Amino acid sequence: MPESWKFDEDGAETLAADETVDELGARIGRGILESWLISSSGRLLAVVTNTERAMVMLLDGIGDPGEHATDPEAAGFSEGFILANGQHDEYPDEDTVPLTDALQIVRRILISGNPPADAPWQVDR
């Protein structure tokens, strides 16, 4: 049975990949810049954005250092990544991707369980 994903909140329902990406975009539009999804197998998918770039992380579970999408050609830093607890973060651009790319990466993970083969990716384990 394929993995299913839902937003990691009490009572959140499982949505299809396209619906989840649409909801993620809507959340960002409402100013919710940190979102976590949990899979039926316990994996976690995090997206933290500043509305231009996003950090996309995939973890095997709580406490796993995980892996994340990268943009090896990017230089500099971006700020404005606001976590749910109000913390403001700044990340190297090479550790984030443009938001449109992030949403496509998330969609592929939701469908196949893996990031796209052509998406640069760093394992942090």
PDB file of N, CA and C in Angstrom:
ATOM      1  N   MET A   1       0.844  -1.180   0.000  1.00  0.00           N
ATOM      2  CA  MET A   1       0.000   0.000   0.000  1.00  0.00           C
ATOM      3  C   MET A   1       0.890   1.245   0.000  1.00  0.00           C
ATOM      4  N   PRO A   2       0.615   2.210  -0.870  1.00  0.00           N
ATOM      5  CA  PRO A   2       1.436   3.429  -0.909  1.00  0.00           C
ATOM      6  C   PRO A   2       1.276   4.242   0.367  1.00  0.00           C
ATOM      7  N   GLU A   3       2.305   4.995   0.666  1.00  0.00           N
ATOM      8  CA  GLU A   3       2.300   5.877   1.821  1.00  0.00           C
ATOM      9  C   GLU A   3       1.273   6.989   1.614  1.00  0.00           C
ATOM     10  N   SER A   4       0.550   7.343   2.658  1.00  0.00           N
ATOM     11  CA  SER A   4      -0.350   8.486   2.584  1.00  0.00           C
ATOM     12  C   SER A   4       0.187   9.558   3.530  1.00  0.00           C
ATOM     13  N   TRP A   5      -0.142  10.802   3.229  1.00  0.00           N
ATOM     14  CA  TRP A   5       0.384  11.941   3.974  1.00  0.00           C
ATOM     15  C   TRP A   5      -0.750  12.847   4.433  1.00  0.00           C
ATOM     16  N   LYS A   6      -0.539  13.497   5.578  1.00  0.00           N
ATOM     17  CA  LYS A   6      -1.488  14.499   6.054  1.00  0.00           C
ATOM     18  C   LYS A   6      -0.717  15.555   6.828  1.00  0.00           C
ATOM     19  N   PHE A   7      -1.317  16.734   6.971  1.00  0.00           N
ATOM     20  CA  PHE A   7      -0.697  17.770   7.776  1.00  0.00           C
ATOM     21  C   PHE A   7      -0.648  17.284   9.213  1.00  0.00           C
ATOM     22  N   ASP A   8       0.455  17.507   9.879  1.00  0.00           N
ATOM     23  CA  ASP A   8       0.698  16.981  11.217  1.00  0.00           C
ATOM     24  C   ASP A   8      -0.028  17.828  12.260  1.00  0.00           C
ATOM     25  N   GLU A   9      -1.334  17.724  12.224  1.00  0.00           N
ATOM     26  CA  GLU A   9      -2.173  18.440  13.178  1.00  0.00           C
ATOM     27  C   GLU A   9      -3.313  17.518  13.573  1.00  0.00           C
ATOM     28  N   ASP A  10      -3.785  17.654  14.767  1.00  0.00           N
ATOM     29  CA  ASP A  10      -4.902  16.826  15.225  1.00  0.00           C
ATOM     30  C   ASP A  10      -6.100  16.980  14.305  1.00  0.00           C
ATOM     31  N   GLY A  11      -6.645  15.865  13.863  1.00  0.00           N
ATOM     32  CA  GLY A  11      -7.857  15.892  13.060  1.00  0.00           C
ATOM     33  C   GLY A  11      -7.649  16.182  11.593  1.00  0.00           C
ATOM     34  N   ALA A  12      -6.402  16.425  11.167  1.00  0.00           N
ATOM     35  CA  ALA A  12      -6.161  16.725   9.749  1.00  0.00           C
ATOM     36  C   ALA A  12      -6.425  15.482   8.912  1.00  0.00           C
ATOM     37  N   GLU A  13      -7.090  15.670   7.796  1.00  0.00           N
ATOM     38  CA  GLU A  13      -7.407  14.535   6.934  1.00  0.00           C
ATOM     39  C   GLU A  13      -6.323  14.317   5.888  1.00  0.00           C
ATOM     40  N   THR A  14      -6.235  13.094   5.408  1.00  0.00           N
ATOM     41  CA  THR A  14      -5.312  12.766   4.334  1.00  0.00           C
ATOM     42  C   THR A  14      -5.871  13.316   3.031  1.00  0.00           C
ATOM     43  N   LEU A  15      -5.016  14.004   2.270  1.00  0.00           N
ATOM     44  CA  LEU A  15      -5.420  14.601   1.004  1.00  0.00           C
ATOM     45  C   LEU A  15      -4.587  13.994  -0.122  1.00  0.00           C
ATOM     46  N   ALA A  16      -5.088  14.089  -1.340  1.00  0.00           N
ATOM     47  CA  ALA A  16      -4.320  13.692  -2.513  1.00  0.00           C
ATOM     48  C   ALA A  16      -3.144  14.655  -2.665  1.00  0.00           C
ATOM     49  N   ALA A  17      -2.134  14.238  -3.421  1.00  0.00           N
ATOM     50  CA  ALA A  17      -0.920  15.038  -3.575  1.00  0.00           C
ATOM     51  C   ALA A  17      -1.221  16.456  -4.065  1.00  0.00           C
ATOM     52  N   ASP A  18      -2.014  16.586  -5.120  1.00  0.00           N
ATOM     53  CA  ASP A  18      -2.313  17.920  -5.658  1.00  0.00           C
ATOM     54  C   ASP A  18      -3.086  18.770  -4.650  1.00  0.00           C
ATOM     55  N   GLU A  19      -4.007  18.157  -3.922  1.00  0.00           N
ATOM     56  CA  GLU A  19      -4.765  18.887  -2.898  1.00  0.00           C
ATOM     57  C   GLU A  19      -3.840  19.346  -1.770  1.00  0.00           C
ATOM     58  N   THR A  20      -2.888  18.507  -1.406  1.00  0.00           N
ATOM     59  CA  THR A  20      -1.949  18.851  -0.345  1.00  0.00           C
ATOM     60  C   THR A  20      -1.068  20.020  -0.770  1.00  0.00           C
ATOM     61  N   VAL A  21      -0.568  19.982  -2.005  1.00  0.00           N
ATOM     62  CA  VAL A  21       0.262  21.084  -2.506  1.00  0.00           C
ATOM     63  C   VAL A  21      -0.564  22.363  -2.586  1.00  0.00           C
ATOM     64  N   ASP A  22      -1.817  22.259  -3.031  1.00  0.00           N
ATOM     65  CA  ASP A  22      -2.700  23.439  -3.059  1.00  0.00           C
ATOM     66  C   ASP A  22      -2.904  23.999  -1.659  1.00  0.00           C
ATOM     67  N   GLU A  23      -3.135  23.123  -0.688  1.00  0.00           N
ATOM     68  CA  GLU A  23      -3.329  23.560   0.697  1.00  0.00           C
ATOM     69  C   GLU A  23      -2.049  24.174   1.244  1.00  0.00           C
ATOM     70  N   LEU A  24      -0.912  23.606   0.903  1.00  0.00           N
ATOM     71  CA  LEU A  24       0.365  24.172   1.335  1.00  0.00           C
ATOM     72  C   LEU A  24       0.515  25.595   0.795  1.00  0.00           C
ATOM     73  N   GLY A  25       0.196  25.794  -0.478  1.00  0.00           N
ATOM     74  CA  GLY A  25       0.239  27.135  -1.068  1.00  0.00           C
ATOM     75  C   GLY A  25      -0.726  28.083  -0.385  1.00  0.00           C
ATOM     76  N   ALA A  26      -1.914  27.603  -0.049  1.00  0.00           N
ATOM     77  CA  ALA A  26      -2.903  28.433   0.638  1.00  0.00           C
ATOM     78  C   ALA A  26      -2.419  28.813   2.036  1.00  0.00           C
ATOM     79  N   ARG A  27      -1.788  27.871   2.727  1.00  0.00           N
ATOM     80  CA  ARG A  27      -1.259  28.149   4.063  1.00  0.00           C
ATOM     81  C   ARG A  27      -0.192  29.237   3.985  1.00  0.00           C
ATOM     82  N   ILE A  28       0.682  29.134   2.997  1.00  0.00           N
ATOM     83  CA  ILE A  28       1.731  30.138   2.816  1.00  0.00           C
ATOM     84  C   ILE A  28       1.091  31.497   2.550  1.00  0.00           C
ATOM     85  N   GLY A  29       0.041  31.504   1.725  1.00  0.00           N
ATOM     86  CA  GLY A  29      -0.683  32.739   1.441  1.00  0.00           C
ATOM     87  C   GLY A  29      -1.308  33.362   2.682  1.00  0.00           C
ATOM     88  N   ARG A  30      -1.641  32.527   3.657  1.00  0.00           N
ATOM     89  CA  ARG A  30      -2.214  33.008   4.920  1.00  0.00           C
ATOM     90  C   ARG A  30      -1.139  33.366   5.943  1.00  0.00           C
ATOM     91  N   GLY A  31       0.135  33.233   5.542  1.00  0.00           N
ATOM     92  CA  GLY A  31       1.225  33.580   6.450  1.00  0.00           C
ATOM     93  C   GLY A  31       1.720  32.439   7.317  1.00  0.00           C
ATOM     94  N   ILE A  32       1.270  31.218   7.046  1.00  0.00           N
ATOM     95  CA  ILE A  32       1.774  30.048   7.779  1.00  0.00           C
ATOM     96  C   ILE A  32       2.996  29.565   7.000  1.00  0.00           C
ATOM     97  N   LEU A  33       4.183  29.900   7.494  1.00  0.00           N
ATOM     98  CA  LEU A  33       5.405  29.679   6.727  1.00  0.00           C
ATOM     99  C   LEU A  33       6.146  28.402   7.112  1.00  0.00           C
ATOM    100  N   GLU A  34       5.663  27.689   8.118  1.00  0.00           N
ATOM    101  CA  GLU A  34       6.223  26.387   8.501  1.00  0.00           C
ATOM    102  C   GLU A  34       5.091  25.370   8.500  1.00  0.00           C
ATOM    103  N   SER A  35       5.250  24.320   7.713  1.00  0.00           N
ATOM    104  CA  SER A  35       4.249  23.248   7.673  1.00  0.00           C
ATOM    105  C   SER A  35       4.950  21.906   7.759  1.00  0.00           C
ATOM    106  N   TRP A  36       4.328  20.992   8.483  1.00  0.00           N
ATOM    107  CA  TRP A  36       4.829  19.627   8.621  1.00  0.00           C
ATOM    108  C   TRP A  36       3.755  18.655   8.146  1.00  0.00           C
ATOM    109  N   LEU A  37       4.198  17.677   7.398  1.00  0.00           N
ATOM    110  CA  LEU A  37       3.327  16.580   6.978  1.00  0.00           C
ATOM    111  C   LEU A  37       3.876  15.295   7.592  1.00  0.00           C
ATOM    112  N   ILE A  38       2.991  14.379   7.930  1.00  0.00           N
ATOM    113  CA  ILE A  38       3.401  13.085   8.470  1.00  0.00           C
ATOM    114  C   ILE A  38       2.814  11.999   7.585  1.00  0.00           C
ATOM    115  N   SER A  39       3.613  10.977   7.337  1.00  0.00           N
ATOM    116  CA  SER A  39       3.156   9.884   6.474  1.00  0.00           C
ATOM    117  C   SER A  39       2.585   8.752   7.318  1.00  0.00           C
ATOM    118  N   SER A  40       1.894   7.878   6.644  1.00  0.00           N
ATOM    119  CA  SER A  40       1.307   6.706   7.303  1.00  0.00           C
ATOM    120  C   SER A  40       2.393   5.788   7.865  1.00  0.00           C
ATOM    121  N   SER A  41       3.633   5.942   7.411  1.00  0.00           N
ATOM    122  CA  SER A  41       4.733   5.125   7.947  1.00  0.00           C
ATOM    123  C   SER A  41       5.543   5.894   9.002  1.00  0.00           C
ATOM    124  N   GLY A  42       5.124   7.128   9.329  1.00  0.00           N
ATOM    125  CA  GLY A  42       5.783   7.902  10.368  1.00  0.00           C
ATOM    126  C   GLY A  42       6.866   8.850   9.888  1.00  0.00           C
ATOM    127  N   ARG A  43       7.097   8.892   8.582  1.00  0.00           N
ATOM    128  CA  ARG A  43       8.079   9.859   8.073  1.00  0.00           C
ATOM    129  C   ARG A  43       7.510  11.265   8.162  1.00  0.00           C
ATOM    130  N   LEU A  44       8.392  12.260   8.206  1.00  0.00           N
ATOM    131  CA  LEU A  44       7.993  13.661   8.314  1.00  0.00           C
ATOM    132  C   LEU A  44       8.534  14.429   7.125  1.00  0.00           C
ATOM    133  N   LEU A  45       7.736  15.342   6.623  1.00  0.00           N
ATOM    134  CA  LEU A  45       8.115  16.217   5.528  1.00  0.00           C
ATOM    135  C   LEU A  45       7.850  17.647   5.989  1.00  0.00           C
ATOM    136  N   ALA A  46       8.897  18.453   6.026  1.00  0.00           N
ATOM    137  CA  ALA A  46       8.778  19.830   6.504  1.00  0.00           C
ATOM    138  C   ALA A  46       9.046  20.803   5.373  1.00  0.00           C
ATOM    139  N   VAL A  47       8.285  21.888   5.373  1.00  0.00           N
ATOM    140  CA  VAL A  47       8.509  22.987   4.438  1.00  0.00           C
ATOM    141  C   VAL A  47       8.501  24.271   5.261  1.00  0.00           C
ATOM    142  N   VAL A  48       9.626  24.982   5.209  1.00  0.00           N
ATOM    143  CA  VAL A  48       9.737  26.281   5.861  1.00  0.00           C
ATOM    144  C   VAL A  48      10.099  27.265   4.761  1.00  0.00           C
ATOM    145  N   THR A  49       9.343  28.351   4.646  1.00  0.00           N
ATOM    146  CA  THR A  49       9.543  29.271   3.534  1.00  0.00           C
ATOM    147  C   THR A  49       9.553  30.718   3.998  1.00  0.00           C
ATOM    148  N   ASN A  50      10.109  31.566   3.149  1.00  0.00           N
ATOM    149  CA  ASN A  50      10.007  33.007   3.339  1.00  0.00           C
ATOM    150  C   ASN A  50       9.163  33.597   2.205  1.00  0.00           C
ATOM    151  N   THR A  51       8.428  32.765   1.520  1.00  0.00           N
ATOM    152  CA  THR A  51       7.538  32.999   0.375  1.00  0.00           C
ATOM    153  C   THR A  51       8.291  33.112  -0.947  1.00  0.00           C
ATOM    154  N   GLU A  52       9.609  33.174  -0.923  1.00  0.00           N
ATOM    155  CA  GLU A  52      10.401  33.176  -2.153  1.00  0.00           C
ATOM    156  C   GLU A  52      11.218  31.894  -2.284  1.00  0.00           C
ATOM    157  N   ARG A  53      11.817  31.466  -1.186  1.00  0.00           N
ATOM    158  CA  ARG A  53      12.619  30.249  -1.157  1.00  0.00           C
ATOM    159  C   ARG A  53      12.058  29.362  -0.048  1.00  0.00           C
ATOM    160  N   ALA A  54      12.383  28.068  -0.090  1.00  0.00           N
ATOM    161  CA  ALA A  54      11.886  27.152   0.930  1.00  0.00           C
ATOM    162  C   ALA A  54      12.923  26.098   1.254  1.00  0.00           C
ATOM    163  N   MET A  55      12.962  25.728   2.528  1.00  0.00           N
ATOM    164  CA  MET A  55      13.724  24.571   2.951  1.00  0.00           C
ATOM    165  C   MET A  55      12.738  23.414   2.963  1.00  0.00           C
ATOM    166  N   VAL A  56      13.089  22.341   2.250  1.00  0.00           N
ATOM    167  CA  VAL A  56      12.258  21.138   2.200  1.00  0.00           C
ATOM    168  C   VAL A  56      13.073  20.021   2.830  1.00  0.00           C
ATOM    169  N   MET A  57      12.570  19.470   3.938  1.00  0.00           N
ATOM    170  CA  MET A  57      13.283  18.426   4.669  1.00  0.00           C
ATOM    171  C   MET A  57      12.428  17.165   4.746  1.00  0.00           C
ATOM    172  N   LEU A  58      13.074  16.019   4.609  1.00  0.00           N
ATOM    173  CA  LEU A  58      12.421  14.718   4.722  1.00  0.00           C
ATOM    174  C   LEU A  58      13.131  13.942   5.820  1.00  0.00           C
ATOM    175  N   LEU A  59      12.386  13.534   6.834  1.00  0.00           N
ATOM    176  CA  LEU A  59      12.956  12.824   7.975  1.00  0.00           C
ATOM    177  C   LEU A  59      12.291  11.462   8.119  1.00  0.00           C
ATOM    178  N   ASP A  60      13.058  10.475   8.557  1.00  0.00           N
ATOM    179  CA  ASP A  60      12.492   9.145   8.777  1.00  0.00           C
ATOM    180  C   ASP A  60      11.613   9.105  10.014  1.00  0.00           C
ATOM    181  N   GLY A  61      11.725  10.082  10.889  1.00  0.00           N
ATOM    182  CA  GLY A  61      10.923  10.165  12.095  1.00  0.00           C
ATOM    183  C   GLY A  61      11.486  11.248  12.996  1.00  0.00           C
ATOM    184  N   ILE A  62      10.881  11.425  14.142  1.00  0.00           N
ATOM    185  CA  ILE A  62      11.325  12.423  15.107  1.00  0.00           C
ATOM    186  C   ILE A  62      12.748  12.083  15.538  1.00  0.00           C
ATOM    187  N   GLY A  63      13.611  13.097  15.547  1.00  0.00           N
ATOM    188  CA  GLY A  63      14.989  12.902  15.962  1.00  0.00           C
ATOM    189  C   GLY A  63      15.944  12.536  14.836  1.00  0.00           C
ATOM    190  N   ASP A  64      15.410  12.202  13.656  1.00  0.00           N
ATOM    191  CA  ASP A  64      16.255  11.871  12.510  1.00  0.00           C
ATOM    192  C   ASP A  64      16.810  13.161  11.918  1.00  0.00           C
ATOM    193  N   PRO A  65      18.132  13.237  11.656  1.00  0.00           N
ATOM    194  CA  PRO A  65      18.685  14.441  11.021  1.00  0.00           C
ATOM    195  C   PRO A  65      18.135  14.653   9.615  1.00  0.00           C
ATOM    196  N   GLY A  66      17.703  13.584   8.964  1.00  0.00           N
ATOM    197  CA  GLY A  66      17.011  13.682   7.694  1.00  0.00           C
ATOM    198  C   GLY A  66      17.871  14.031   6.504  1.00  0.00           C
ATOM    199  N   GLU A  67      17.206  14.641   5.543  1.00  0.00           N
ATOM    200  CA  GLU A  67      17.813  15.042   4.275  1.00  0.00           C
ATOM    201  C   GLU A  67      17.024  16.239   3.768  1.00  0.00           C
ATOM    202  N   HIS A  68      17.621  16.994   2.835  1.00  0.00           N
ATOM    203  CA  HIS A  68      16.914  18.184   2.374  1.00  0.00           C
ATOM    204  C   HIS A  68      17.280  18.547   0.939  1.00  0.00           C
ATOM    205  N   ALA A  69      16.383  19.300   0.314  1.00  0.00           N
ATOM    206  CA  ALA A  69      16.594  19.798  -1.043  1.00  0.00           C
ATOM    207  C   ALA A  69      17.664  20.871  -1.008  1.00  0.00           C
ATOM    208  N   THR A  70      18.469  20.937  -2.072  1.00  0.00           N
ATOM    209  CA  THR A  70      19.524  21.941  -2.152  1.00  0.00           C
ATOM    210  C   THR A  70      19.500  22.648  -3.495  1.00  0.00           C
ATOM    211  N   ASP A  71      20.198  23.760  -3.533  1.00  0.00           N
ATOM    212  CA  ASP A  71      20.371  24.547  -4.752  1.00  0.00           C
ATOM    213  C   ASP A  71      21.861  24.882  -4.831  1.00  0.00           C
ATOM    214  N   PRO A  72      22.686  23.910  -5.303  1.00  0.00           N
ATOM    215  CA  PRO A  72      24.147  24.063  -5.239  1.00  0.00           C
ATOM    216  C   PRO A  72      24.688  25.299  -5.955  1.00  0.00           C
ATOM    217  N   GLU A  73      23.962  25.832  -6.912  1.00  0.00           N
ATOM    218  CA  GLU A  73      24.422  27.000  -7.663  1.00  0.00           C
ATOM    219  C   GLU A  73      24.095  28.320  -6.965  1.00  0.00           C
ATOM    220  N   ALA A  74      23.267  28.270  -5.936  1.00  0.00           N
ATOM    221  CA  ALA A  74      22.837  29.494  -5.252  1.00  0.00           C
ATOM    222  C   ALA A  74      23.942  30.008  -4.330  1.00  0.00           C
ATOM    223  N   ALA A  75      23.995  31.316  -4.174  1.00  0.00           N
ATOM    224  CA  ALA A  75      24.968  31.943  -3.280  1.00  0.00           C
ATOM    225  C   ALA A  75      24.241  32.923  -2.372  1.00  0.00           C
ATOM    226  N   GLY A  76      24.803  33.135  -1.223  1.00  0.00           N
ATOM    227  CA  GLY A  76      24.226  34.099  -0.292  1.00  0.00           C
ATOM    228  C   GLY A  76      23.311  33.441   0.724  1.00  0.00           C
ATOM    229  N   PHE A  77      22.588  34.293   1.424  1.00  0.00           N
ATOM    230  CA  PHE A  77      21.674  33.864   2.479  1.00  0.00           C
ATOM    231  C   PHE A  77      20.331  34.553   2.268  1.00  0.00           C
ATOM    232  N   SER A  78      19.278  33.918   2.750  1.00  0.00           N
ATOM    233  CA  SER A  78      17.953  34.539   2.746  1.00  0.00           C
ATOM    234  C   SER A  78      17.400  34.492   4.156  1.00  0.00           C
ATOM    235  N   GLU A  79      16.697  35.530   4.527  1.00  0.00           N
ATOM    236  CA  GLU A  79      16.068  35.577   5.845  1.00  0.00           C
ATOM    237  C   GLU A  79      14.563  35.602   5.675  1.00  0.00           C
ATOM    238  N   GLY A  80      13.865  35.679   6.789  1.00  0.00           N
ATOM    239  CA  GLY A  80      12.415  35.758   6.734  1.00  0.00           C
ATOM    240  C   GLY A  80      11.717  34.411   6.857  1.00  0.00           C
ATOM    241  N   PHE A  81      12.456  33.375   7.229  1.00  0.00           N
ATOM    242  CA  PHE A  81      11.860  32.063   7.454  1.00  0.00           C
ATOM    243  C   PHE A  81      11.327  32.071   8.889  1.00  0.00           C
ATOM    244  N   ILE A  82      10.015  32.168   9.019  1.00  0.00           N
ATOM    245  CA  ILE A  82       9.404  32.312  10.334  1.00  0.00           C
ATOM    246  C   ILE A  82       8.791  30.976  10.752  1.00  0.00           C
ATOM    247  N   LEU A  83       9.321  30.438  11.849  1.00  0.00           N
ATOM    248  CA  LEU A  83       8.839  29.156  12.358  1.00  0.00           C
ATOM    249  C   LEU A  83       7.544  29.351  13.145  1.00  0.00           C
ATOM    250  N   ALA A  84       6.850  28.265  13.368  1.00  0.00           N
ATOM    251  CA  ALA A  84       5.568  28.313  14.065  1.00  0.00           C
ATOM    252  C   ALA A  84       5.705  28.898  15.473  1.00  0.00           C
ATOM    253  N   ASN A  85       6.880  28.735  16.091  1.00  0.00           N
ATOM    254  CA  ASN A  85       7.076  29.264  17.444  1.00  0.00           C
ATOM    255  C   ASN A  85       7.478  30.742  17.445  1.00  0.00           C
ATOM    256  N   GLY A  86       7.483  31.375  16.256  1.00  0.00           N
ATOM    257  CA  GLY A  86       7.804  32.787  16.138  1.00  0.00           C
ATOM    258  C   GLY A  86       9.273  33.070  15.854  1.00  0.00           C
ATOM    259  N   GLN A  87      10.111  32.047  15.902  1.00  0.00           N
ATOM    260  CA  GLN A  87      11.537  32.225  15.632  1.00  0.00           C
ATOM    261  C   GLN A  87      11.751  32.628  14.182  1.00  0.00           C
ATOM    262  N   HIS A  88      12.633  33.610  13.955  1.00  0.00           N
ATOM    263  CA  HIS A  88      12.984  34.062  12.607  1.00  0.00           C
ATOM    264  C   HIS A  88      14.332  33.454  12.250  1.00  0.00           C
ATOM    265  N   ASP A  89      14.383  32.707  11.151  1.00  0.00           N
ATOM    266  CA  ASP A  89      15.613  32.052  10.735  1.00  0.00           C
ATOM    267  C   ASP A  89      16.132  32.624   9.427  1.00  0.00           C
ATOM    268  N   GLU A  90      17.426  32.426   9.226  1.00  0.00           N
ATOM    269  CA  GLU A  90      18.120  32.779   7.993  1.00  0.00           C
ATOM    270  C   GLU A  90      18.846  31.510   7.549  1.00  0.00           C
ATOM    271  N   TYR A  91      18.774  31.183   6.253  1.00  0.00           N
ATOM    272  CA  TYR A  91      19.418  29.978   5.743  1.00  0.00           C
ATOM    273  C   TYR A  91      20.298  30.311   4.548  1.00  0.00           C
ATOM    274  N   PRO A  92      21.375  29.548   4.364  1.00  0.00           N
ATOM    275  CA  PRO A  92      22.139  29.687   3.125  1.00  0.00           C
ATOM    276  C   PRO A  92      21.238  29.333   1.935  1.00  0.00           C
ATOM    277  N   ASP A  93      21.313  30.114   0.881  1.00  0.00           N
ATOM    278  CA  ASP A  93      20.474  29.830  -0.289  1.00  0.00           C
ATOM    279  C   ASP A  93      20.756  28.451  -0.874  1.00  0.00           C
ATOM    280  N   GLU A  94      21.964  27.938  -0.709  1.00  0.00           N
ATOM    281  CA  GLU A  94      22.277  26.607  -1.230  1.00  0.00           C
ATOM    282  C   GLU A  94      21.511  25.511  -0.481  1.00  0.00           C
ATOM    283  N   ASP A  95      20.987  25.811   0.714  1.00  0.00           N
ATOM    284  CA  ASP A  95      20.197  24.841   1.480  1.00  0.00           C
ATOM    285  C   ASP A  95      18.698  25.033   1.314  1.00  0.00           C
ATOM    286  N   THR A  96      18.313  25.934   0.423  1.00  0.00           N
ATOM    287  CA  THR A  96      16.903  26.164   0.123  1.00  0.00           C
ATOM    288  C   THR A  96      16.730  26.145  -1.390  1.00  0.00           C
ATOM    289  N   VAL A  97      15.490  26.104  -1.823  1.00  0.00           N
ATOM    290  CA  VAL A  97      15.177  26.123  -3.257  1.00  0.00           C
ATOM    291  C   VAL A  97      14.075  27.150  -3.496  1.00  0.00           C
ATOM    292  N   PRO A  98      13.949  27.645  -4.735  1.00  0.00           N
ATOM    293  CA  PRO A  98      12.827  28.545  -5.030  1.00  0.00           C
ATOM    294  C   PRO A  98      11.503  27.866  -4.656  1.00  0.00           C
ATOM    295  N   LEU A  99      10.552  28.658  -4.173  1.00  0.00           N
ATOM    296  CA  LEU A  99       9.283  28.104  -3.683  1.00  0.00           C
ATOM    297  C   LEU A  99       8.588  27.251  -4.735  1.00  0.00           C
ATOM    298  N   THR A 100       8.578  27.668  -5.989  1.00  0.00           N
ATOM    299  CA  THR A 100       7.914  26.861  -7.028  1.00  0.00           C
ATOM    300  C   THR A 100       8.569  25.489  -7.155  1.00  0.00           C
ATOM    301  N   ASP A 101       9.898  25.434  -7.065  1.00  0.00           N
ATOM    302  CA  ASP A 101      10.599  24.145  -7.099  1.00  0.00           C
ATOM    303  C   ASP A 101      10.248  23.313  -5.866  1.00  0.00           C
ATOM    304  N   ALA A 102      10.177  23.979  -4.717  1.00  0.00           N
ATOM    305  CA  ALA A 102       9.848  23.278  -3.473  1.00  0.00           C
ATOM    306  C   ALA A 102       8.494  22.587  -3.570  1.00  0.00           C
ATOM    307  N   LEU A 103       7.520  23.280  -4.121  1.00  0.00           N
ATOM    308  CA  LEU A 103       6.181  22.682  -4.235  1.00  0.00           C
ATOM    309  C   LEU A 103       6.188  21.470  -5.171  1.00  0.00           C
ATOM    310  N   GLN A 104       6.998  21.511  -6.218  1.00  0.00           N
ATOM    311  CA  GLN A 104       7.109  20.359  -7.122  1.00  0.00           C
ATOM    312  C   GLN A 104       7.825  19.199  -6.440  1.00  0.00           C
ATOM    313  N   ILE A 105       8.836  19.504  -5.639  1.00  0.00           N
ATOM    314  CA  ILE A 105       9.540  18.464  -4.886  1.00  0.00           C
ATOM    315  C   ILE A 105       8.584  17.804  -3.904  1.00  0.00           C
ATOM    316  N   VAL A 106       7.821  18.616  -3.190  1.00  0.00           N
ATOM    317  CA  VAL A 106       6.839  18.081  -2.232  1.00  0.00           C
ATOM    318  C   VAL A 106       5.839  17.187  -2.961  1.00  0.00           C
ATOM    319  N   ARG A 107       5.331  17.651  -4.083  1.00  0.00           N
ATOM    320  CA  ARG A 107       4.359  16.855  -4.854  1.00  0.00           C
ATOM    321  C   ARG A 107       4.944  15.497  -5.206  1.00  0.00           C
ATOM    322  N   ARG A 108       6.190  15.452  -5.683  1.00  0.00           N
ATOM    323  CA  ARG A 108       6.825  14.190  -6.069  1.00  0.00           C
ATOM    324  C   ARG A 108       6.997  13.275  -4.861  1.00  0.00           C
ATOM    325  N   ILE A 109       7.403  13.836  -3.721  1.00  0.00           N
ATOM    326  CA  ILE A 109       7.549  13.021  -2.512  1.00  0.00           C
ATOM    327  C   ILE A 109       6.206  12.438  -2.097  1.00  0.00           C
ATOM    328  N   LEU A 110       5.147  13.236  -2.170  1.00  0.00           N
ATOM    329  CA  LEU A 110       3.820  12.748  -1.787  1.00  0.00           C
ATOM    330  C   LEU A 110       3.357  11.624  -2.694  1.00  0.00           C
ATOM    331  N   ILE A 111       3.717  11.685  -3.968  1.00  0.00           N
ATOM    332  CA  ILE A 111       3.289  10.664  -4.928  1.00  0.00           C
ATOM    333  C   ILE A 111       4.154   9.414  -4.848  1.00  0.00           C
ATOM    334  N   SER A 112       5.475   9.600  -4.822  1.00  0.00           N
ATOM    335  CA  SER A 112       6.377   8.446  -4.945  1.00  0.00           C
ATOM    336  C   SER A 112       7.113   8.075  -3.663  1.00  0.00           C
ATOM    337  N   GLY A 113       7.116   8.978  -2.688  1.00  0.00           N
ATOM    338  CA  GLY A 113       7.868   8.722  -1.470  1.00  0.00           C
ATOM    339  C   GLY A 113       9.305   9.204  -1.541  1.00  0.00           C
ATOM    340  N   ASN A 114       9.717   9.676  -2.721  1.00  0.00           N
ATOM    341  CA  ASN A 114      11.095  10.122  -2.930  1.00  0.00           C
ATOM    342  C   ASN A 114      11.112  11.458  -3.647  1.00  0.00           C
ATOM    343  N   PRO A 115      12.190  12.237  -3.442  1.00  0.00           N
ATOM    344  CA  PRO A 115      12.312  13.478  -4.210  1.00  0.00           C
ATOM    345  C   PRO A 115      12.550  13.167  -5.681  1.00  0.00           C
ATOM    346  N   PRO A 116      12.307  14.125  -6.571  1.00  0.00           N
ATOM    347  CA  PRO A 116      12.571  13.899  -7.994  1.00  0.00           C
ATOM    348  C   PRO A 116      14.041  13.541  -8.208  1.00  0.00           C
ATOM    349  N   ALA A 117      14.295  12.651  -9.147  1.00  0.00           N
ATOM    350  CA  ALA A 117      15.664  12.199  -9.423  1.00  0.00           C
ATOM    351  C   ALA A 117      16.568  13.349  -9.840  1.00  0.00           C
ATOM    352  N   ASP A 118      15.996  14.380 -10.461  1.00  0.00           N
ATOM    353  CA  ASP A 118      16.817  15.493 -10.943  1.00  0.00           C
ATOM    354  C   ASP A 118      16.929  16.643  -9.938  1.00  0.00           C
ATOM    355  N   ALA A 119      16.380  16.483  -8.743  1.00  0.00           N
ATOM    356  CA  ALA A 119      16.454  17.525  -7.715  1.00  0.00           C
ATOM    357  C   ALA A 119      17.698  17.300  -6.857  1.00  0.00           C
ATOM    358  N   PRO A 120      18.597  18.290  -6.789  1.00  0.00           N
ATOM    359  CA  PRO A 120      19.757  18.146  -5.905  1.00  0.00           C
ATOM    360  C   PRO A 120      19.287  17.916  -4.469  1.00  0.00           C
ATOM    361  N   TRP A 121      19.953  17.003  -3.775  1.00  0.00           N
ATOM    362  CA  TRP A 121      19.470  16.548  -2.493  1.00  0.00           C
ATOM    363  C   TRP A 121      20.659  16.221  -1.603  1.00  0.00           C
ATOM    364  N   GLN A 122      20.580  16.583  -0.344  1.00  0.00           N
ATOM    365  CA  GLN A 122      21.667  16.301   0.600  1.00  0.00           C
ATOM    366  C   GLN A 122      21.146  15.452   1.743  1.00  0.00           C
ATOM    367  N   VAL A 123      21.837  14.354   2.006  1.00  0.00           N
ATOM    368  CA  VAL A 123      21.512  13.497   3.135  1.00  0.00           C
ATOM    369  C   VAL A 123      22.314  14.001   4.332  1.00  0.00           C
ATOM    370  N   ASP A 124      21.633  14.271   5.433  1.00  0.00           N
ATOM    371  CA  ASP A 124      22.270  14.846   6.618  1.00  0.00           C
ATOM    372  C   ASP A 124      22.509  13.814   7.722  1.00  0.00           C
ATOM    373  N   ARG A 125      22.239  12.564   7.451  1.00  0.00           N
ATOM    374  CA  ARG A 125      22.420  11.505   8.451  1.00  0.00           C
ATOM    375  C   ARG A 125      23.882  11.173   8.610  1.00  0.00           C
TER     376      ARG A 125
END
